[in-house]
Amino acid sequence: MAAITFNAAHRKEQARKQLDAALAAYREMLDRFVSNQMRQAAAEAELARPRKAADATSPSKAPS
């Protein structure tokens, strides 16, 4: 009877370790996906941002 209990406890611990490993892999994949999405959104926002002409903002180029 003790062997059955030990075996069940061992299997339960093994299943827990496998689940923890799978969850860690899933979290890493999700983190990479979100990070990539954020980088893409930031790049698109940078491209969509209106630019000012360099001479329009320079005080030395202002008409006197």
PDB file of N, CA and C in Angstrom:
ATOM      1  N   MET A   1       0.824  -1.200   0.000  1.00  0.00           N
ATOM      2  CA  MET A   1       0.000   0.000   0.000  1.00  0.00           C
ATOM      3  C   MET A   1       0.867   1.263   0.000  1.00  0.00           C
ATOM      4  N   ALA A   2       1.967   1.206   0.748  1.00  0.00           N
ATOM      5  CA  ALA A   2       2.864   2.358   0.804  1.00  0.00           C
ATOM      6  C   ALA A   2       3.499   2.617  -0.555  1.00  0.00           C
ATOM      7  N   ALA A   3       3.780   1.541  -1.297  1.00  0.00           N
ATOM      8  CA  ALA A   3       4.370   1.695  -2.625  1.00  0.00           C
ATOM      9  C   ALA A   3       3.404   2.398  -3.565  1.00  0.00           C
ATOM     10  N   ILE A   4       2.127   2.095  -3.454  1.00  0.00           N
ATOM     11  CA  ILE A   4       1.123   2.748  -4.300  1.00  0.00           C
ATOM     12  C   ILE A   4       1.031   4.231  -3.956  1.00  0.00           C
ATOM     13  N   THR A   5       1.042   4.553  -2.673  1.00  0.00           N
ATOM     14  CA  THR A   5       0.976   5.951  -2.242  1.00  0.00           C
ATOM     15  C   THR A   5       2.198   6.718  -2.720  1.00  0.00           C
ATOM     16  N   PHE A   6       3.389   6.103  -2.559  1.00  0.00           N
ATOM     17  CA  PHE A   6       4.617   6.760  -3.005  1.00  0.00           C
ATOM     18  C   PHE A   6       4.594   6.973  -4.510  1.00  0.00           C
ATOM     19  N   ASN A   7       4.149   5.956  -5.252  1.00  0.00           N
ATOM     20  CA  ASN A   7       4.093   6.048  -6.701  1.00  0.00           C
ATOM     21  C   ASN A   7       3.134   7.154  -7.130  1.00  0.00           C
ATOM     22  N   ALA A   8       1.998   7.255  -6.485  1.00  0.00           N
ATOM     23  CA  ALA A   8       1.030   8.300  -6.822  1.00  0.00           C
ATOM     24  C   ALA A   8       1.594   9.678  -6.502  1.00  0.00           C
ATOM     25  N   ALA A   9       2.278   9.792  -5.376  1.00  0.00           N
ATOM     26  CA  ALA A   9       2.881  11.075  -5.009  1.00  0.00           C
ATOM     27  C   ALA A   9       3.977  11.451  -5.997  1.00  0.00           C
ATOM     28  N   HIS A  10       4.748  10.458  -6.415  1.00  0.00           N
ATOM     29  CA  HIS A  10       5.819  10.708  -7.386  1.00  0.00           C
ATOM     30  C   HIS A  10       5.229  11.161  -8.722  1.00  0.00           C
ATOM     31  N   ARG A  11       4.180  10.503  -9.160  1.00  0.00           N
ATOM     32  CA  ARG A  11       3.529  10.886 -10.420  1.00  0.00           C
ATOM     33  C   ARG A  11       2.944  12.295 -10.329  1.00  0.00           C
ATOM     34  N   LYS A  12       2.361  12.594  -9.178  1.00  0.00           N
ATOM     35  CA  LYS A  12       1.778  13.925  -8.995  1.00  0.00           C
ATOM     36  C   LYS A  12       2.866  14.997  -9.062  1.00  0.00           C
ATOM     37  N   GLU A  13       3.994  14.742  -8.421  1.00  0.00           N
ATOM     38  CA  GLU A  13       5.111  15.695  -8.457  1.00  0.00           C
ATOM     39  C   GLU A  13       5.652  15.831  -9.875  1.00  0.00           C
ATOM     40  N   GLN A  14       5.748  14.721 -10.582  1.00  0.00           N
ATOM     41  CA  GLN A  14       6.225  14.744 -11.962  1.00  0.00           C
ATOM     42  C   GLN A  14       5.267  15.547 -12.850  1.00  0.00           C
ATOM     43  N   ALA A  15       3.979  15.349 -12.664  1.00  0.00           N
ATOM     44  CA  ALA A  15       2.982  16.091 -13.442  1.00  0.00           C
ATOM     45  C   ALA A  15       3.055  17.577 -13.123  1.00  0.00           C
ATOM     46  N   ARG A  16       3.282  17.916 -11.856  1.00  0.00           N
ATOM     47  CA  ARG A  16       3.403  19.322 -11.465  1.00  0.00           C
ATOM     48  C   ARG A  16       4.611  19.976 -12.132  1.00  0.00           C
ATOM     49  N   LYS A  17       5.723  19.256 -12.167  1.00  0.00           N
ATOM     50  CA  LYS A  17       6.930  19.790 -12.808  1.00  0.00           C
ATOM     51  C   LYS A  17       6.705  19.999 -14.302  1.00  0.00           C
ATOM     52  N   GLN A  18       6.032  19.053 -14.943  1.00  0.00           N
ATOM     53  CA  GLN A  18       5.746  19.192 -16.372  1.00  0.00           C
ATOM     54  C   GLN A  18       4.819  20.375 -16.629  1.00  0.00           C
ATOM     55  N   LEU A  19       3.829  20.532 -15.775  1.00  0.00           N
ATOM     56  CA  LEU A  19       2.907  21.654 -15.924  1.00  0.00           C
ATOM     57  C   LEU A  19       3.631  22.981 -15.707  1.00  0.00           C
ATOM     58  N   ASP A  20       4.489  23.038 -14.702  1.00  0.00           N
ATOM     59  CA  ASP A  20       5.260  24.260 -14.449  1.00  0.00           C
ATOM     60  C   ASP A  20       6.149  24.606 -15.642  1.00  0.00           C
ATOM     61  N   ALA A  21       6.781  23.596 -16.228  1.00  0.00           N
ATOM     62  CA  ALA A  21       7.636  23.823 -17.393  1.00  0.00           C
ATOM     63  C   ALA A  21       6.814  24.314 -18.582  1.00  0.00           C
ATOM     64  N   ALA A  22       5.653  23.717 -18.793  1.00  0.00           N
ATOM     65  CA  ALA A  22       4.792  24.139 -19.902  1.00  0.00           C
ATOM     66  C   ALA A  22       4.299  25.564 -19.693  1.00  0.00           C
ATOM     67  N   LEU A  23       3.924  25.902 -18.469  1.00  0.00           N
ATOM     68  CA  LEU A  23       3.462  27.263 -18.187  1.00  0.00           C
ATOM     69  C   LEU A  23       4.584  28.276 -18.353  1.00  0.00           C
ATOM     70  N   ALA A  24       5.793  27.916 -17.950  1.00  0.00           N
ATOM     71  CA  ALA A  24       6.934  28.816 -18.120  1.00  0.00           C
ATOM     72  C   ALA A  24       7.200  29.063 -19.603  1.00  0.00           C
ATOM     73  N   ALA A  25       7.118  28.015 -20.408  1.00  0.00           N
ATOM     74  CA  ALA A  25       7.317  28.165 -21.850  1.00  0.00           C
ATOM     75  C   ALA A  25       6.218  29.033 -22.455  1.00  0.00           C
ATOM     76  N   TYR A  26       4.987  28.836 -22.022  1.00  0.00           N
ATOM     77  CA  TYR A  26       3.869  29.643 -22.515  1.00  0.00           C
ATOM     78  C   TYR A  26       4.048  31.108 -22.133  1.00  0.00           C
ATOM     79  N   ARG A  27       4.457  31.367 -20.884  1.00  0.00           N
ATOM     80  CA  ARG A  27       4.677  32.753 -20.449  1.00  0.00           C
ATOM     81  C   ARG A  27       5.775  33.417 -21.273  1.00  0.00           C
ATOM     82  N   GLU A  28       6.835  32.675 -21.563  1.00  0.00           N
ATOM     83  CA  GLU A  28       7.927  33.225 -22.360  1.00  0.00           C
ATOM     84  C   GLU A  28       7.460  33.553 -23.776  1.00  0.00           C
ATOM     85  N   MET A  29       6.684  32.653 -24.376  1.00  0.00           N
ATOM     86  CA  MET A  29       6.162  32.909 -25.720  1.00  0.00           C
ATOM     87  C   MET A  29       5.243  34.123 -25.728  1.00  0.00           C
ATOM     88  N   LEU A  30       4.382  34.220 -24.729  1.00  0.00           N
ATOM     89  CA  LEU A  30       3.464  35.347 -24.639  1.00  0.00           C
ATOM     90  C   LEU A  30       4.229  36.650 -24.428  1.00  0.00           C
ATOM     91  N   ASP A  31       5.258  36.622 -23.599  1.00  0.00           N
ATOM     92  CA  ASP A  31       6.070  37.804 -23.349  1.00  0.00           C
ATOM     93  C   ASP A  31       6.766  38.264 -24.624  1.00  0.00           C
ATOM     94  N   ARG A  32       7.302  37.323 -25.375  1.00  0.00           N
ATOM     95  CA  ARG A  32       7.960  37.679 -26.640  1.00  0.00           C
ATOM     96  C   ARG A  32       6.959  38.256 -27.636  1.00  0.00           C
ATOM     97  N   PHE A  33       5.776  37.667 -27.705  1.00  0.00           N
ATOM     98  CA  PHE A  33       4.746  38.155 -28.621  1.00  0.00           C
ATOM     99  C   PHE A  33       4.346  39.585 -28.272  1.00  0.00           C
ATOM    100  N   VAL A  34       4.074  39.835 -26.993  1.00  0.00           N
ATOM    101  CA  VAL A  34       3.652  41.173 -26.564  1.00  0.00           C
ATOM    102  C   VAL A  34       4.774  42.176 -26.790  1.00  0.00           C
ATOM    103  N   SER A  35       6.001  41.790 -26.492  1.00  0.00           N
ATOM    104  CA  SER A  35       7.138  42.678 -26.701  1.00  0.00           C
ATOM    105  C   SER A  35       7.278  43.036 -28.180  1.00  0.00           C
ATOM    106  N   ASN A  36       7.128  42.043 -29.047  1.00  0.00           N
ATOM    107  CA  ASN A  36       7.221  42.289 -30.480  1.00  0.00           C
ATOM    108  C   ASN A  36       6.098  43.206 -30.955  1.00  0.00           C
ATOM    109  N   GLN A  37       4.887  42.985 -30.450  1.00  0.00           N
ATOM    110  CA  GLN A  37       3.756  43.831 -30.827  1.00  0.00           C
ATOM    111  C   GLN A  37       3.999  45.277 -30.387  1.00  0.00           C
ATOM    112  N   MET A  38       4.549  45.453 -29.190  1.00  0.00           N
ATOM    113  CA  MET A  38       4.825  46.802 -28.687  1.00  0.00           C
ATOM    114  C   MET A  38       5.888  47.492 -29.547  1.00  0.00           C
ATOM    115  N   ARG A  39       6.927  46.741 -29.937  1.00  0.00           N
ATOM    116  CA  ARG A  39       7.963  47.327 -30.794  1.00  0.00           C
ATOM    117  C   ARG A  39       7.390  47.727 -32.146  1.00  0.00           C
ATOM    118  N   GLN A  40       6.544  46.881 -32.707  1.00  0.00           N
ATOM    119  CA  GLN A  40       5.933  47.207 -34.000  1.00  0.00           C
ATOM    120  C   GLN A  40       5.028  48.427 -33.887  1.00  0.00           C
ATOM    121  N   ALA A  41       4.243  48.503 -32.834  1.00  0.00           N
ATOM    122  CA  ALA A  41       3.353  49.648 -32.643  1.00  0.00           C
ATOM    123  C   ALA A  41       4.158  50.928 -32.455  1.00  0.00           C
ATOM    124  N   ALA A  42       5.254  50.851 -31.719  1.00  0.00           N
ATOM    125  CA  ALA A  42       6.099  52.029 -31.515  1.00  0.00           C
ATOM    126  C   ALA A  42       6.734  52.472 -32.831  1.00  0.00           C
ATOM    127  N   ALA A  43       7.167  51.522 -33.640  1.00  0.00           N
ATOM    128  CA  ALA A  43       7.763  51.860 -34.932  1.00  0.00           C
ATOM    129  C   ALA A  43       6.727  52.497 -35.858  1.00  0.00           C
ATOM    130  N   GLU A  44       5.516  51.958 -35.861  1.00  0.00           N
ATOM    131  CA  GLU A  44       4.459  52.536 -36.694  1.00  0.00           C
ATOM    132  C   GLU A  44       4.083  53.929 -36.214  1.00  0.00           C
ATOM    133  N   ALA A  45       4.051  54.135 -34.917  1.00  0.00           N
ATOM    134  CA  ALA A  45       3.731  55.458 -34.373  1.00  0.00           C
ATOM    135  C   ALA A  45       4.827  56.453 -34.729  1.00  0.00           C
ATOM    136  N   GLU A  46       6.060  55.998 -34.712  1.00  0.00           N
ATOM    137  CA  GLU A  46       7.184  56.872 -35.070  1.00  0.00           C
ATOM    138  C   GLU A  46       7.087  57.282 -36.538  1.00  0.00           C
ATOM    139  N   LEU A  47       6.706  56.354 -37.394  1.00  0.00           N
ATOM    140  CA  LEU A  47       6.576  56.674 -38.817  1.00  0.00           C
ATOM    141  C   LEU A  47       5.385  57.589 -39.080  1.00  0.00           C
ATOM    142  N   ALA A  48       4.334  57.462 -38.309  1.00  0.00           N
ATOM    143  CA  ALA A  48       3.124  58.253 -38.516  1.00  0.00           C
ATOM    144  C   ALA A  48       3.230  59.645 -37.913  1.00  0.00           C
ATOM    145  N   ARG A  49       4.209  59.867 -37.044  1.00  0.00           N
ATOM    146  CA  ARG A  49       4.349  61.161 -36.378  1.00  0.00           C
ATOM    147  C   ARG A  49       4.762  62.226 -37.393  1.00  0.00           C
ATOM    148  N   PRO A  50       4.072  63.366 -37.404  1.00  0.00           N
ATOM    149  CA  PRO A  50       4.450  64.421 -38.353  1.00  0.00           C
ATOM    150  C   PRO A  50       5.816  65.000 -37.999  1.00  0.00           C
ATOM    151  N   ARG A  51       6.581  65.298 -39.011  1.00  0.00           N
ATOM    152  CA  ARG A  51       7.931  65.852 -38.833  1.00  0.00           C
ATOM    153  C   ARG A  51       7.914  67.343 -39.142  1.00  0.00           C
ATOM    154  N   LYS A  52       8.698  68.085 -38.398  1.00  0.00           N
ATOM    155  CA  LYS A  52       8.867  69.507 -38.688  1.00  0.00           C
ATOM    156  C   LYS A  52      10.126  69.673 -39.532  1.00  0.00           C
ATOM    157  N   ALA A  53      10.113  70.658 -40.411  1.00  0.00           N
ATOM    158  CA  ALA A  53      11.295  70.934 -41.217  1.00  0.00           C
ATOM    159  C   ALA A  53      12.398  71.454 -40.306  1.00  0.00           C
ATOM    160  N   ALA A  54      13.638  71.085 -40.586  1.00  0.00           N
ATOM    161  CA  ALA A  54      14.765  71.456 -39.727  1.00  0.00           C
ATOM    162  C   ALA A  54      14.962  72.973 -39.689  1.00  0.00           C
ATOM    163  N   ASP A  55      14.820  73.675 -40.823  1.00  0.00           N
ATOM    164  CA  ASP A  55      15.045  75.120 -40.834  1.00  0.00           C
ATOM    165  C   ASP A  55      13.874  75.894 -40.229  1.00  0.00           C
ATOM    166  N   ALA A  56      12.722  75.310 -40.120  1.00  0.00           N
ATOM    167  CA  ALA A  56      11.568  75.994 -39.542  1.00  0.00           C
ATOM    168  C   ALA A  56      11.689  76.107 -38.029  1.00  0.00           C
ATOM    169  N   THR A  57      12.451  75.235 -37.402  1.00  0.00           N
ATOM    170  CA  THR A  57      12.574  75.267 -35.947  1.00  0.00           C
ATOM    171  C   THR A  57      13.853  75.942 -35.485  1.00  0.00           C
ATOM    172  N   SER A  58      14.742  76.248 -36.392  1.00  0.00           N
ATOM    173  CA  SER A  58      16.022  76.846 -36.019  1.00  0.00           C
ATOM    174  C   SER A  58      15.871  78.356 -35.853  1.00  0.00           C
ATOM    175  N   PRO A  59      16.207  78.924 -34.689  1.00  0.00           N
ATOM    176  CA  PRO A  59      16.069  80.373 -34.492  1.00  0.00           C
ATOM    177  C   PRO A  59      17.025  81.184 -35.360  1.00  0.00           C
ATOM    178  N   SER A  60      18.167  80.608 -35.762  1.00  0.00           N
ATOM    179  CA  SER A  60      19.120  81.347 -36.584  1.00  0.00           C
ATOM    180  C   SER A  60      18.613  81.538 -38.006  1.00  0.00           C
ATOM    181  N   LYS A  61      17.656  80.771 -38.442  1.00  0.00           N
ATOM    182  CA  LYS A  61      17.101  80.882 -39.791  1.00  0.00           C
ATOM    183  C   LYS A  61      15.871  81.789 -39.834  1.00  0.00           C
ATOM    184  N   ALA A  62      15.425  82.276 -38.697  1.00  0.00           N
ATOM    185  CA  ALA A  62      14.227  83.115 -38.656  1.00  0.00           C
ATOM    186  C   ALA A  62      14.510  84.436 -39.368  1.00  0.00           C
ATOM    187  N   PRO A  63      13.522  84.949 -40.129  1.00  0.00           N
ATOM    188  CA  PRO A  63      13.724  86.229 -40.833  1.00  0.00           C
ATOM    189  C   PRO A  63      13.831  87.385 -39.838  1.00  0.00           C
ATOM    190  N   SER A  64      14.723  88.322 -40.132  1.00  0.00           N
ATOM    191  CA  SER A  64      14.918  89.477 -39.245  1.00  0.00           C
ATOM    192  C   SER A  64      14.196  90.694 -39.746  1.00  0.00           C
TER     193      SER A  64
END
